[in-house]
Amino acid sequence: MVFYEESVKKSVIKGLLPKDIFAKFNNVFIALDTTHDLGLFDIKRLKANEKRTYYRVRKGKYRAIFYIEDNNYYVISIAKREEVYDQWV
């Protein structure tokens, strides 16, 4: 199952994140949830702490930061490349 942070949902509602970009990422996460194959898309592992490992998926100029827990995908940020890492850190 895919879960989105409230900040991601609000950015779509406010128009800060275009709906077509959100739809592309939503399709990516649906495919990941179905197949559990991280090799399907441009996904890279980011830093890990003792609790969890973070990943990023790229679609054009946009990036999504997420983590996996109990076979669920938790999306914490979707934004342009130059903005997403500032929001995440």
N, C-alpha and C. Protein backbone atom coordinates (compact mmCIF):
# COMPACT_ATOMS: atom_id res chain seq x y z
N MET A 1 0.83 -1.17 0.00
CA MET A 1 0.00 0.00 0.00
C MET A 1 0.89 1.24 0.00
N VAL A 2 0.40 2.31 -0.58
CA VAL A 2 1.16 3.55 -0.69
C VAL A 2 0.51 4.60 0.21
N PHE A 3 1.34 5.26 1.02
CA PHE A 3 0.88 6.32 1.90
C PHE A 3 1.64 7.60 1.59
N TYR A 4 0.92 8.71 1.52
CA TYR A 4 1.53 10.01 1.25
C TYR A 4 1.46 10.89 2.49
N GLU A 5 2.54 11.61 2.76
CA GLU A 5 2.56 12.57 3.86
C GLU A 5 1.53 13.67 3.58
N GLU A 6 1.06 14.28 4.63
CA GLU A 6 0.08 15.37 4.49
C GLU A 6 0.65 16.52 3.66
N SER A 7 1.95 16.78 3.78
CA SER A 7 2.56 17.88 3.02
C SER A 7 2.49 17.62 1.52
N VAL A 8 2.60 16.37 1.11
CA VAL A 8 2.49 16.03 -0.32
C VAL A 8 1.06 16.26 -0.79
N LYS A 9 0.10 15.80 0.00
CA LYS A 9 -1.31 15.98 -0.36
C LYS A 9 -1.67 17.46 -0.45
N LYS A 10 -1.18 18.26 0.51
CA LYS A 10 -1.48 19.69 0.52
C LYS A 10 -0.85 20.41 -0.67
N SER A 11 0.35 20.00 -1.07
CA SER A 11 1.01 20.66 -2.20
C SER A 11 0.26 20.39 -3.50
N VAL A 12 -0.39 19.22 -3.62
CA VAL A 12 -1.21 18.94 -4.80
C VAL A 12 -2.48 19.78 -4.77
N ILE A 13 -3.11 19.85 -3.60
CA ILE A 13 -4.35 20.63 -3.47
C ILE A 13 -4.10 22.11 -3.74
N LYS A 14 -2.99 22.65 -3.22
CA LYS A 14 -2.68 24.06 -3.40
C LYS A 14 -2.12 24.39 -4.78
N GLY A 15 -1.80 23.37 -5.56
CA GLY A 15 -1.27 23.60 -6.90
C GLY A 15 0.23 23.78 -6.96
N LEU A 16 0.92 23.56 -5.85
CA LEU A 16 2.38 23.67 -5.85
C LEU A 16 3.03 22.51 -6.59
N LEU A 17 2.36 21.38 -6.58
CA LEU A 17 2.80 20.20 -7.32
C LEU A 17 1.75 19.92 -8.39
N PRO A 18 2.13 19.99 -9.67
CA PRO A 18 1.14 19.76 -10.74
C PRO A 18 0.50 18.37 -10.62
N LYS A 19 -0.78 18.31 -10.91
CA LYS A 19 -1.52 17.06 -10.79
C LYS A 19 -1.00 15.98 -11.73
N ASP A 20 -0.53 16.39 -12.93
CA ASP A 20 0.00 15.38 -13.85
C ASP A 20 1.29 14.77 -13.33
N ILE A 21 2.12 15.55 -12.66
CA ILE A 21 3.35 15.02 -12.06
C ILE A 21 3.00 14.07 -10.92
N PHE A 22 2.04 14.47 -10.09
CA PHE A 22 1.61 13.59 -9.01
C PHE A 22 1.06 12.28 -9.57
N ALA A 23 0.32 12.35 -10.67
CA ALA A 23 -0.24 11.13 -11.29
C ALA A 23 0.88 10.21 -11.77
N LYS A 24 1.95 10.77 -12.33
CA LYS A 24 3.08 9.95 -12.78
C LYS A 24 3.72 9.21 -11.61
N PHE A 25 3.95 9.94 -10.51
CA PHE A 25 4.55 9.31 -9.34
C PHE A 25 3.59 8.30 -8.71
N ASN A 26 2.32 8.61 -8.71
CA ASN A 26 1.35 7.67 -8.16
C ASN A 26 1.37 6.36 -8.95
N ASN A 27 1.48 6.44 -10.27
CA ASN A 27 1.58 5.24 -11.10
C ASN A 27 2.85 4.45 -10.79
N VAL A 28 3.95 5.16 -10.53
CA VAL A 28 5.20 4.49 -10.17
C VAL A 28 5.01 3.71 -8.88
N PHE A 29 4.41 4.35 -7.88
CA PHE A 29 4.26 3.68 -6.58
C PHE A 29 3.24 2.55 -6.64
N ILE A 30 2.24 2.66 -7.48
CA ILE A 30 1.31 1.55 -7.66
C ILE A 30 2.03 0.35 -8.27
N ALA A 31 2.88 0.62 -9.27
CA ALA A 31 3.66 -0.46 -9.89
C ALA A 31 4.62 -1.08 -8.89
N LEU A 32 5.27 -0.25 -8.07
CA LEU A 32 6.18 -0.78 -7.05
C LEU A 32 5.43 -1.62 -6.02
N ASP A 33 4.26 -1.15 -5.64
CA ASP A 33 3.47 -1.89 -4.66
C ASP A 33 3.02 -3.24 -5.22
N THR A 34 2.78 -3.29 -6.51
CA THR A 34 2.35 -4.52 -7.14
C THR A 34 3.50 -5.51 -7.31
N THR A 35 4.65 -5.01 -7.78
CA THR A 35 5.76 -5.91 -8.12
C THR A 35 6.84 -6.02 -7.05
N HIS A 36 7.01 -5.00 -6.21
CA HIS A 36 8.07 -4.93 -5.20
C HIS A 36 9.45 -5.03 -5.85
N ASP A 37 9.58 -4.52 -7.08
CA ASP A 37 10.84 -4.55 -7.82
C ASP A 37 11.37 -3.13 -7.97
N LEU A 38 12.39 -2.77 -7.19
CA LEU A 38 12.96 -1.42 -7.23
C LEU A 38 13.77 -1.18 -8.50
N GLY A 39 14.03 -2.20 -9.29
CA GLY A 39 14.80 -2.06 -10.51
C GLY A 39 13.98 -1.58 -11.70
N LEU A 40 12.68 -1.43 -11.54
CA LEU A 40 11.84 -1.01 -12.65
C LEU A 40 12.03 0.45 -13.04
N PHE A 41 12.38 1.28 -12.07
CA PHE A 41 12.47 2.73 -12.30
C PHE A 41 13.83 3.23 -11.85
N ASP A 42 14.07 4.51 -12.10
CA ASP A 42 15.33 5.14 -11.69
C ASP A 42 15.26 5.42 -10.20
N ILE A 43 15.56 4.40 -9.40
CA ILE A 43 15.48 4.50 -7.95
C ILE A 43 16.88 4.33 -7.38
N LYS A 44 17.25 5.24 -6.48
CA LYS A 44 18.55 5.14 -5.83
C LYS A 44 18.36 5.17 -4.33
N ARG A 45 19.22 4.45 -3.67
CA ARG A 45 19.19 4.41 -2.21
C ARG A 45 19.89 5.65 -1.67
N LEU A 46 19.27 6.30 -0.70
CA LEU A 46 19.86 7.45 -0.05
C LEU A 46 20.40 7.02 1.31
N LYS A 47 20.68 7.98 2.14
CA LYS A 47 21.25 7.63 3.44
C LYS A 47 20.27 6.85 4.30
N ALA A 48 20.82 6.09 5.19
CA ALA A 48 20.00 5.30 6.10
C ALA A 48 20.37 5.67 7.53
N ASN A 49 19.39 5.59 8.40
CA ASN A 49 19.69 5.72 9.81
C ASN A 49 19.33 4.39 10.47
N GLU A 50 19.37 4.34 11.79
CA GLU A 50 19.11 3.05 12.43
C GLU A 50 17.67 2.58 12.28
N LYS A 51 16.76 3.49 11.97
CA LYS A 51 15.36 3.11 11.82
C LYS A 51 15.01 2.64 10.41
N ARG A 52 15.43 3.40 9.40
CA ARG A 52 14.97 3.08 8.04
C ARG A 52 15.94 3.58 6.98
N THR A 53 15.76 3.06 5.78
CA THR A 53 16.53 3.46 4.60
C THR A 53 15.62 4.24 3.69
N TYR A 54 16.13 5.36 3.18
CA TYR A 54 15.36 6.21 2.29
C TYR A 54 15.79 5.98 0.84
N TYR A 55 14.84 6.20 -0.07
CA TYR A 55 15.09 6.05 -1.50
C TYR A 55 14.56 7.28 -2.21
N ARG A 56 15.06 7.48 -3.43
CA ARG A 56 14.49 8.53 -4.27
C ARG A 56 14.19 7.93 -5.63
N VAL A 57 13.10 8.41 -6.22
CA VAL A 57 12.73 8.01 -7.57
C VAL A 57 12.67 9.28 -8.40
N ARG A 58 13.15 9.19 -9.64
CA ARG A 58 13.26 10.36 -10.50
C ARG A 58 12.30 10.24 -11.66
N LYS A 59 11.60 11.34 -11.94
CA LYS A 59 10.76 11.47 -13.12
C LYS A 59 10.99 12.87 -13.67
N GLY A 60 11.83 12.97 -14.69
CA GLY A 60 12.13 14.27 -15.28
C GLY A 60 12.84 15.17 -14.28
N LYS A 61 12.31 16.37 -14.07
CA LYS A 61 12.91 17.31 -13.13
C LYS A 61 12.44 17.11 -11.69
N TYR A 62 11.55 16.18 -11.49
CA TYR A 62 10.98 15.96 -10.17
C TYR A 62 11.54 14.71 -9.51
N ARG A 63 11.57 14.74 -8.17
CA ARG A 63 12.05 13.62 -7.37
C ARG A 63 11.04 13.33 -6.27
N ALA A 64 10.94 12.08 -5.90
CA ALA A 64 10.13 11.67 -4.76
C ALA A 64 11.03 10.95 -3.78
N ILE A 65 10.92 11.30 -2.51
CA ILE A 65 11.68 10.65 -1.45
C ILE A 65 10.70 9.75 -0.70
N PHE A 66 11.10 8.50 -0.49
CA PHE A 66 10.22 7.56 0.18
C PHE A 66 11.02 6.54 0.96
N TYR A 67 10.31 5.82 1.82
CA TYR A 67 10.91 4.68 2.52
C TYR A 67 9.92 3.53 2.50
N ILE A 68 10.44 2.34 2.76
CA ILE A 68 9.63 1.13 2.74
C ILE A 68 9.61 0.54 4.15
N GLU A 69 8.41 0.22 4.60
CA GLU A 69 8.26 -0.39 5.92
C GLU A 69 7.10 -1.37 5.88
N ASP A 70 7.35 -2.61 6.22
CA ASP A 70 6.33 -3.67 6.21
C ASP A 70 5.65 -3.80 4.85
N ASN A 71 6.44 -3.74 3.78
CA ASN A 71 5.95 -3.82 2.40
C ASN A 71 4.97 -2.71 2.04
N ASN A 72 5.01 -1.60 2.77
CA ASN A 72 4.24 -0.40 2.44
C ASN A 72 5.22 0.70 2.03
N TYR A 73 4.77 1.56 1.14
CA TYR A 73 5.60 2.66 0.65
C TYR A 73 5.09 3.95 1.25
N TYR A 74 5.98 4.70 1.91
CA TYR A 74 5.65 5.95 2.56
C TYR A 74 6.37 7.08 1.83
N VAL A 75 5.62 7.90 1.10
CA VAL A 75 6.18 8.99 0.31
C VAL A 75 6.20 10.22 1.20
N ILE A 76 7.41 10.77 1.43
CA ILE A 76 7.51 11.89 2.34
C ILE A 76 7.67 13.22 1.63
N SER A 77 8.08 13.20 0.35
CA SER A 77 8.27 14.45 -0.37
C SER A 77 8.29 14.21 -1.88
N ILE A 78 7.62 15.11 -2.61
CA ILE A 78 7.71 15.15 -4.07
C ILE A 78 7.89 16.62 -4.45
N ALA A 79 8.97 16.91 -5.15
CA ALA A 79 9.24 18.30 -5.56
C ALA A 79 10.29 18.30 -6.66
N LYS A 80 10.59 19.49 -7.17
CA LYS A 80 11.65 19.62 -8.16
C LYS A 80 12.98 19.26 -7.52
N ARG A 81 13.92 18.88 -8.35
CA ARG A 81 15.22 18.40 -7.88
C ARG A 81 15.90 19.40 -6.95
N GLU A 82 15.87 20.66 -7.32
CA GLU A 82 16.58 21.66 -6.51
C GLU A 82 15.88 21.96 -5.19
N GLU A 83 14.63 21.51 -5.03
CA GLU A 83 13.87 21.80 -3.81
C GLU A 83 13.70 20.58 -2.91
N VAL A 84 13.65 19.40 -3.49
CA VAL A 84 13.25 18.22 -2.73
C VAL A 84 14.23 17.87 -1.62
N TYR A 85 15.52 18.00 -1.86
CA TYR A 85 16.48 17.62 -0.85
C TYR A 85 16.53 18.62 0.29
N ASP A 86 16.22 19.90 0.01
CA ASP A 86 16.16 20.90 1.08
C ASP A 86 14.98 20.63 2.00
N GLN A 87 13.85 20.20 1.43
CA GLN A 87 12.67 19.90 2.23
C GLN A 87 12.88 18.67 3.08
N TRP A 88 13.61 17.72 2.55
CA TRP A 88 13.75 16.42 3.18
C TRP A 88 14.72 16.47 4.36
N VAL A 89 15.79 17.22 4.23
CA VAL A 89 16.85 17.24 5.27
C VAL A 89 16.39 17.89 6.53
